[in-house]
All heavy atoms as atom14 arrays in JSON, in Angstrom:
{
  "sequence": "IYLIPNVTMLHHLGHTEEHKLPCALVKATNHNYIR",
  "atom14_mask": [
    [1, 1, 1, 1, 1, 1, 1, 1, 0, 0, 0, 0, 0, 0],
    [1, 1, 1, 1, 1, 1, 1, 1, 1, 1, 1, 1, 0, 0],
    [1, 1, 1, 1, 1, 1, 1, 1, 0, 0, 0, 0, 0, 0],
    [1, 1, 1, 1, 1, 1, 1, 1, 0, 0, 0, 0, 0, 0],
    [1, 1, 1, 1, 1, 1, 1, 0, 0, 0, 0, 0, 0, 0],
    [1, 1, 1, 1, 1, 1, 1, 1, 0, 0, 0, 0, 0, 0],
    [1, 1, 1, 1, 1, 1, 1, 0, 0, 0, 0, 0, 0, 0],
    [1, 1, 1, 1, 1, 1, 1, 0, 0, 0, 0, 0, 0, 0],
    [1, 1, 1, 1, 1, 1, 1, 1, 0, 0, 0, 0, 0, 0],
    [1, 1, 1, 1, 1, 1, 1, 1, 0, 0, 0, 0, 0, 0],
    [1, 1, 1, 1, 1, 1, 1, 1, 1, 1, 0, 0, 0, 0],
    [1, 1, 1, 1, 1, 1, 1, 1, 1, 1, 0, 0, 0, 0],
    [1, 1, 1, 1, 1, 1, 1, 1, 0, 0, 0, 0, 0, 0],
    [1, 1, 1, 1, 0, 0, 0, 0, 0, 0, 0, 0, 0, 0],
    [1, 1, 1, 1, 1, 1, 1, 1, 1, 1, 0, 0, 0, 0],
    [1, 1, 1, 1, 1, 1, 1, 0, 0, 0, 0, 0, 0, 0],
    [1, 1, 1, 1, 1, 1, 1, 1, 1, 0, 0, 0, 0, 0],
    [1, 1, 1, 1, 1, 1, 1, 1, 1, 0, 0, 0, 0, 0],
    [1, 1, 1, 1, 1, 1, 1, 1, 1, 1, 0, 0, 0, 0],
    [1, 1, 1, 1, 1, 1, 1, 1, 1, 0, 0, 0, 0, 0],
    [1, 1, 1, 1, 1, 1, 1, 1, 0, 0, 0, 0, 0, 0],
    [1, 1, 1, 1, 1, 1, 1, 0, 0, 0, 0, 0, 0, 0],
    [1, 1, 1, 1, 1, 1, 0, 0, 0, 0, 0, 0, 0, 0],
    [1, 1, 1, 1, 1, 0, 0, 0, 0, 0, 0, 0, 0, 0],
    [1, 1, 1, 1, 1, 1, 1, 1, 0, 0, 0, 0, 0, 0],
    [1, 1, 1, 1, 1, 1, 1, 0, 0, 0, 0, 0, 0, 0],
    [1, 1, 1, 1, 1, 1, 1, 1, 1, 0, 0, 0, 0, 0],
    [1, 1, 1, 1, 1, 0, 0, 0, 0, 0, 0, 0, 0, 0],
    [1, 1, 1, 1, 1, 1, 1, 0, 0, 0, 0, 0, 0, 0],
    [1, 1, 1, 1, 1, 1, 1, 1, 0, 0, 0, 0, 0, 0],
    [1, 1, 1, 1, 1, 1, 1, 1, 1, 1, 0, 0, 0, 0],
    [1, 1, 1, 1, 1, 1, 1, 1, 0, 0, 0, 0, 0, 0],
    [1, 1, 1, 1, 1, 1, 1, 1, 1, 1, 1, 1, 0, 0],
    [1, 1, 1, 1, 1, 1, 1, 1, 0, 0, 0, 0, 0, 0],
    [1, 1, 1, 1, 1, 1, 1, 1, 1, 1, 1, 0, 0, 0]
  ],
  "atom14_positions": [
    [[-13.94, 8.83, -14.4], [-13.72, 7.76, -13.43], [-13.93, 8.35, -12.04], [-13.39, 9.42, -11.73], [-12.29, 7.21, -13.57], [-12.13, 6.55, -14.94], [-11.97, 6.2, -12.47], [-10.84, 6.83, -15.59], [0.0, 0.0, 0.0], [0.0, 0.0, 0.0], [0.0, 0.0, 0.0], [0.0, 0.0, 0.0], [0.0, 0.0, 0.0], [0.0, 0.0, 0.0]],
    [[-14.72, 7.65, -11.23], [-15.08, 8.2, -9.93], [-14.77, 7.26, -8.78], [-14.95, 6.03, -8.88], [-16.58, 8.53, -9.9], [-16.98, 9.68, -10.8], [-17.67, 9.44, -11.98], [-16.67, 10.99, -10.46], [-18.04, 10.49, -12.81], [-17.03, 12.04, -11.29], [-17.72, 11.79, -12.46], [-18.08, 12.83, -13.28], [0.0, 0.0, 0.0], [0.0, 0.0, 0.0]],
    [[-14.32, 7.85, -7.69], [-14.14, 7.16, -6.41], [-15.37, 7.41, -5.56], [-15.89, 8.53, -5.53], [-12.89, 7.68, -5.71], [-12.61, 7.13, -4.3], [-12.06, 5.72, -4.4], [-11.63, 8.04, -3.56], [0.0, 0.0, 0.0], [0.0, 0.0, 0.0], [0.0, 0.0, 0.0], [0.0, 0.0, 0.0], [0.0, 0.0, 0.0], [0.0, 0.0, 0.0]],
    [[-15.84, 6.36, -4.85], [-16.94, 6.5, -3.9], [-16.33, 6.49, -2.51], [-15.97, 5.42, -1.99], [-17.96, 5.34, -4.04], [-18.32, 5.11, -5.51], [-19.19, 5.63, -3.19], [-19.12, 6.21, -6.15], [0.0, 0.0, 0.0], [0.0, 0.0, 0.0], [0.0, 0.0, 0.0], [0.0, 0.0, 0.0], [0.0, 0.0, 0.0], [0.0, 0.0, 0.0]],
    [[-16.15, 7.63, -1.85], [-15.39, 7.69, -0.59], [-15.97, 6.86, 0.54], [-15.22, 6.36, 1.38], [-15.41, 9.19, -0.24], [-15.69, 9.89, -1.53], [-16.58, 8.96, -2.29], [0.0, 0.0, 0.0], [0.0, 0.0, 0.0], [0.0, 0.0, 0.0], [0.0, 0.0, 0.0], [0.0, 0.0, 0.0], [0.0, 0.0, 0.0], [0.0, 0.0, 0.0]],
    [[-17.3, 6.71, 0.59], [-17.91, 6.03, 1.73], [-18.02, 4.52, 1.55], [-18.64, 3.83, 2.36], [-19.29, 6.62, 2.03], [-20.26, 6.47, 0.88], [-19.88, 6.64, -0.28], [-21.51, 6.16, 1.17], [0.0, 0.0, 0.0], [0.0, 0.0, 0.0], [0.0, 0.0, 0.0], [0.0, 0.0, 0.0], [0.0, 0.0, 0.0], [0.0, 0.0, 0.0]],
    [[-17.4, 3.98, 0.5], [-17.37, 2.53, 0.29], [-15.92, 2.07, 0.4], [-15.05, 2.57, -0.3], [-17.93, 2.14, -1.09], [-17.83, 0.64, -1.3], [-19.37, 2.6, -1.22], [0.0, 0.0, 0.0], [0.0, 0.0, 0.0], [0.0, 0.0, 0.0], [0.0, 0.0, 0.0], [0.0, 0.0, 0.0], [0.0, 0.0, 0.0], [0.0, 0.0, 0.0]],
    [[-15.66, 1.13, 1.3], [-14.29, 0.68, 1.55], [-14.11, -0.79, 1.17], [-15.07, -1.56, 1.16], [-13.9, 0.87, 3.02], [-14.82, 0.15, 3.85], [-13.93, 2.34, 3.4], [0.0, 0.0, 0.0], [0.0, 0.0, 0.0], [0.0, 0.0, 0.0], [0.0, 0.0, 0.0], [0.0, 0.0, 0.0], [0.0, 0.0, 0.0], [0.0, 0.0, 0.0]],
    [[-12.87, -1.16, 0.9], [-12.53, -2.54, 0.55], [-11.15, -2.87, 1.07], [-10.22, -2.06, 0.93], [-12.57, -2.73, -0.97], [-12.24, -4.14, -1.43], [-12.1, -4.29, -3.24], [-10.5, -3.48, -3.52], [0.0, 0.0, 0.0], [0.0, 0.0, 0.0], [0.0, 0.0, 0.0], [0.0, 0.0, 0.0], [0.0, 0.0, 0.0], [0.0, 0.0, 0.0]],
    [[-11.0, -4.05, 1.66], [-9.68, -4.53, 2.06], [-9.04, -5.22, 0.86], [-9.67, -6.01, 0.16], [-9.8, -5.51, 3.22], [-10.22, -4.93, 4.56], [-10.36, -6.04, 5.59], [-9.21, -3.89, 5.04], [0.0, 0.0, 0.0], [0.0, 0.0, 0.0], [0.0, 0.0, 0.0], [0.0, 0.0, 0.0], [0.0, 0.0, 0.0], [0.0, 0.0, 0.0]],
    [[-7.77, -4.92, 0.64], [-7.08, -5.45, -0.52], [-5.63, -5.75, -0.13], [-5.06, -5.07, 0.72], [-7.12, -4.43, -1.66], [-6.48, -4.9, -2.93], [-6.92, -5.99, -3.64], [-5.43, -4.41, -3.63], [-6.17, -6.15, -4.71], [-5.25, -5.21, -4.73], [0.0, 0.0, 0.0], [0.0, 0.0, 0.0], [0.0, 0.0, 0.0], [0.0, 0.0, 0.0]],
    [[-5.06, -6.77, -0.74], [-3.69, -7.18, -0.42], [-2.79, -6.85, -1.59], [-2.94, -7.39, -2.69], [-3.68, -8.69, -0.14], [-2.32, -9.22, 0.19], [-1.53, -8.7, 1.18], [-1.61, -10.25, -0.35], [-0.39, -9.39, 1.24], [-0.42, -10.32, 0.32], [0.0, 0.0, 0.0], [0.0, 0.0, 0.0], [0.0, 0.0, 0.0], [0.0, 0.0, 0.0]],
    [[-1.86, -5.93, -1.39], [-0.96, -5.49, -2.45], [0.46, -5.94, -2.15], [1.14, -5.38, -1.29], [-1.01, -3.96, -2.58], [-0.22, -3.34, -3.74], [-0.79, -3.81, -5.08], [-0.28, -1.83, -3.65], [0.0, 0.0, 0.0], [0.0, 0.0, 0.0], [0.0, 0.0, 0.0], [0.0, 0.0, 0.0], [0.0, 0.0, 0.0], [0.0, 0.0, 0.0]],
    [[0.9, -6.99, -2.85], [2.24, -7.51, -2.62], [2.45, -7.95, -1.18], [1.6, -8.58, -0.58], [0.0, 0.0, 0.0], [0.0, 0.0, 0.0], [0.0, 0.0, 0.0], [0.0, 0.0, 0.0], [0.0, 0.0, 0.0], [0.0, 0.0, 0.0], [0.0, 0.0, 0.0], [0.0, 0.0, 0.0], [0.0, 0.0, 0.0], [0.0, 0.0, 0.0]],
    [[3.59, -7.61, -0.6], [3.89, -7.89, 0.8], [4.19, -6.55, 1.48], [5.3, -6.28, 1.91], [5.08, -8.85, 0.92], [4.85, -10.16, 0.21], [4.09, -11.17, 0.75], [5.25, -10.61, -1.0], [4.05, -12.2, -0.08], [4.75, -11.87, -1.16], [0.0, 0.0, 0.0], [0.0, 0.0, 0.0], [0.0, 0.0, 0.0], [0.0, 0.0, 0.0]],
    [[3.15, -5.74, 1.53], [3.32, -4.36, 1.96], [3.75, -4.24, 3.41], [3.22, -4.91, 4.3], [2.0, -3.59, 1.75], [1.64, -3.66, 0.36], [2.15, -2.13, 2.15], [0.0, 0.0, 0.0], [0.0, 0.0, 0.0], [0.0, 0.0, 0.0], [0.0, 0.0, 0.0], [0.0, 0.0, 0.0], [0.0, 0.0, 0.0], [0.0, 0.0, 0.0]],
    [[4.7, -3.35, 3.63], [5.17, -3.02, 4.97], [5.32, -1.51, 5.08], [5.6, -0.83, 4.09], [6.51, -3.69, 5.27], [6.45, -5.22, 5.32], [7.81, -5.83, 5.59], [8.81, -5.07, 5.55], [7.89, -7.04, 5.82], [0.0, 0.0, 0.0], [0.0, 0.0, 0.0], [0.0, 0.0, 0.0], [0.0, 0.0, 0.0], [0.0, 0.0, 0.0]],
    [[5.15, -1.0, 6.3], [5.38, 0.41, 6.56], [6.74, 0.6, 7.23], [7.12, -0.17, 8.11], [4.29, 0.99, 7.46], [2.98, 1.25, 6.74], [1.98, 1.95, 7.63], [2.12, 1.87, 8.87], [1.03, 2.54, 7.09], [0.0, 0.0, 0.0], [0.0, 0.0, 0.0], [0.0, 0.0, 0.0], [0.0, 0.0, 0.0], [0.0, 0.0, 0.0]],
    [[7.47, 1.62, 6.79], [8.77, 1.93, 7.38], [8.77, 3.39, 7.82], [8.49, 4.29, 7.03], [9.89, 1.69, 6.35], [9.92, 0.29, 5.83], [10.49, -0.75, 6.52], [9.41, -0.24, 4.69], [10.37, -1.86, 5.82], [9.71, -1.58, 4.7], [0.0, 0.0, 0.0], [0.0, 0.0, 0.0], [0.0, 0.0, 0.0], [0.0, 0.0, 0.0]],
    [[9.09, 3.59, 9.08], [9.09, 4.94, 9.63], [10.45, 5.57, 9.46], [11.45, 5.11, 10.01], [8.69, 4.91, 11.11], [8.43, 6.29, 11.7], [7.91, 6.19, 13.12], [7.59, 7.58, 13.68], [7.06, 7.48, 15.07], [0.0, 0.0, 0.0], [0.0, 0.0, 0.0], [0.0, 0.0, 0.0], [0.0, 0.0, 0.0], [0.0, 0.0, 0.0]],
    [[10.49, 6.64, 8.68], [11.7, 7.41, 8.47], [11.63, 8.69, 9.32], [10.58, 9.02, 9.85], [11.85, 7.75, 6.99], [11.91, 6.56, 6.02], [12.06, 7.05, 4.59], [13.03, 5.61, 6.39], [0.0, 0.0, 0.0], [0.0, 0.0, 0.0], [0.0, 0.0, 0.0], [0.0, 0.0, 0.0], [0.0, 0.0, 0.0], [0.0, 0.0, 0.0]],
    [[12.74, 9.39, 9.48], [12.74, 10.58, 10.33], [11.67, 11.61, 9.96], [11.11, 12.27, 10.83], [14.14, 11.16, 10.12], [14.97, 9.96, 9.81], [14.1, 9.07, 9.0], [0.0, 0.0, 0.0], [0.0, 0.0, 0.0], [0.0, 0.0, 0.0], [0.0, 0.0, 0.0], [0.0, 0.0, 0.0], [0.0, 0.0, 0.0], [0.0, 0.0, 0.0]],
    [[11.36, 11.73, 8.68], [10.41, 12.76, 8.27], [9.21, 12.23, 7.5], [8.43, 13.0, 6.95], [11.12, 13.82, 7.43], [11.89, 13.16, 5.95], [0.0, 0.0, 0.0], [0.0, 0.0, 0.0], [0.0, 0.0, 0.0], [0.0, 0.0, 0.0], [0.0, 0.0, 0.0], [0.0, 0.0, 0.0], [0.0, 0.0, 0.0], [0.0, 0.0, 0.0]],
    [[9.05, 10.9, 7.43], [7.94, 10.36, 6.64], [7.66, 8.91, 7.01], [8.51, 8.22, 7.59], [8.25, 10.46, 5.15], [0.0, 0.0, 0.0], [0.0, 0.0, 0.0], [0.0, 0.0, 0.0], [0.0, 0.0, 0.0], [0.0, 0.0, 0.0], [0.0, 0.0, 0.0], [0.0, 0.0, 0.0], [0.0, 0.0, 0.0], [0.0, 0.0, 0.0]],
    [[6.45, 8.45, 6.66], [6.06, 7.05, 6.79], [5.96, 6.48, 5.38], [5.14, 6.94, 4.57], [4.73, 6.93, 7.51], [4.28, 5.51, 7.89], [5.24, 4.9, 8.91], [2.86, 5.54, 8.45], [0.0, 0.0, 0.0], [0.0, 0.0, 0.0], [0.0, 0.0, 0.0], [0.0, 0.0, 0.0], [0.0, 0.0, 0.0], [0.0, 0.0, 0.0]],
    [[6.82, 5.52, 5.06], [6.93, 5.02, 3.69], [6.37, 3.6, 3.62], [6.65, 2.76, 4.48], [8.4, 5.03, 3.22], [8.52, 4.46, 1.82], [8.95, 6.44, 3.28], [0.0, 0.0, 0.0], [0.0, 0.0, 0.0], [0.0, 0.0, 0.0], [0.0, 0.0, 0.0], [0.0, 0.0, 0.0], [0.0, 0.0, 0.0], [0.0, 0.0, 0.0]],
    [[5.6, 3.34, 2.56], [5.07, 2.0, 2.31], [5.85, 1.34, 1.19], [6.07, 1.94, 0.14], [3.58, 2.07, 1.94], [2.67, 2.55, 3.05], [1.23, 2.61, 2.59], [0.33, 3.15, 3.68], [-1.08, 3.26, 3.23], [0.0, 0.0, 0.0], [0.0, 0.0, 0.0], [0.0, 0.0, 0.0], [0.0, 0.0, 0.0], [0.0, 0.0, 0.0]],
    [[6.25, 0.08, 1.4], [6.95, -0.7, 0.38], [6.12, -1.94, 0.07], [5.73, -2.67, 0.98], [8.33, -1.11, 0.87], [0.0, 0.0, 0.0], [0.0, 0.0, 0.0], [0.0, 0.0, 0.0], [0.0, 0.0, 0.0], [0.0, 0.0, 0.0], [0.0, 0.0, 0.0], [0.0, 0.0, 0.0], [0.0, 0.0, 0.0], [0.0, 0.0, 0.0]],
    [[5.82, -2.18, -1.23], [4.97, -3.31, -1.59], [5.72, -4.64, -1.59], [5.11, -5.7, -1.45], [4.36, -3.09, -2.99], [5.42, -2.88, -3.94], [3.45, -1.87, -2.99], [0.0, 0.0, 0.0], [0.0, 0.0, 0.0], [0.0, 0.0, 0.0], [0.0, 0.0, 0.0], [0.0, 0.0, 0.0], [0.0, 0.0, 0.0], [0.0, 0.0, 0.0]],
    [[7.04, -4.62, -1.78], [7.86, -5.83, -1.71], [7.35, -6.95, -2.62], [7.23, -8.1, -2.21], [7.94, -6.34, -0.26], [8.58, -5.32, 0.66], [9.64, -4.8, 0.38], [7.91, -5.03, 1.77], [0.0, 0.0, 0.0], [0.0, 0.0, 0.0], [0.0, 0.0, 0.0], [0.0, 0.0, 0.0], [0.0, 0.0, 0.0], [0.0, 0.0, 0.0]],
    [[7.04, -6.61, -3.87], [6.61, -7.64, -4.82], [7.76, -8.61, -5.09], [8.94, -8.25, -5.02], [6.2, -6.99, -6.15], [4.87, -6.3, -6.1], [3.7, -6.95, -5.8], [4.53, -5.0, -6.31], [2.7, -6.09, -5.85], [3.18, -4.9, -6.15], [0.0, 0.0, 0.0], [0.0, 0.0, 0.0], [0.0, 0.0, 0.0], [0.0, 0.0, 0.0]],
    [[7.4, -9.87, -5.43], [8.44, -10.85, -5.73], [9.06, -10.55, -7.1], [8.61, -9.69, -7.84], [7.88, -12.28, -5.67], [6.79, -12.53, -6.71], [6.83, -12.0, -7.81], [5.81, -13.34, -6.34], [0.0, 0.0, 0.0], [0.0, 0.0, 0.0], [0.0, 0.0, 0.0], [0.0, 0.0, 0.0], [0.0, 0.0, 0.0], [0.0, 0.0, 0.0]],
    [[10.12, -11.3, -7.43], [10.91, -10.98, -8.63], [10.1, -11.15, -9.91], [10.33, -10.43, -10.9], [12.17, -11.84, -8.67], [11.93, -13.32, -8.93], [12.04, -13.83, -10.23], [11.6, -14.19, -7.9], [11.82, -15.18, -10.48], [11.39, -15.53, -8.14], [11.49, -16.02, -9.43], [11.26, -17.35, -9.68], [0.0, 0.0, 0.0], [0.0, 0.0, 0.0]],
    [[9.15, -12.1, -9.93], [8.35, -12.3, -11.14], [7.46, -11.09, -11.38], [7.36, -10.58, -12.5], [7.49, -13.58, -11.01], [8.41, -14.81, -10.92], [6.54, -13.71, -12.2], [7.67, -16.1, -10.7], [0.0, 0.0, 0.0], [0.0, 0.0, 0.0], [0.0, 0.0, 0.0], [0.0, 0.0, 0.0], [0.0, 0.0, 0.0], [0.0, 0.0, 0.0]],
    [[6.82, -10.61, -10.31], [5.97, -9.43, -10.45], [6.79, -8.2, -10.82], [6.37, -7.36, -11.6], [5.21, -9.21, -9.15], [4.17, -8.1, -9.2], [3.02, -8.46, -10.14], [2.05, -7.38, -10.16], [1.02, -7.28, -9.31], [0.84, -8.21, -8.38], [0.17, -6.29, -9.42], [0.0, 0.0, 0.0], [0.0, 0.0, 0.0], [0.0, 0.0, 0.0]]
  ]
}
């Protein structure tokens, strides 16, 4: 299985948000209860 680095795509994953913590940047997808 191969990734093609120079080809990009916009995609929507759940209700993603970024949260800045003291030592890291964390992403949360925030999927609904059914998912």
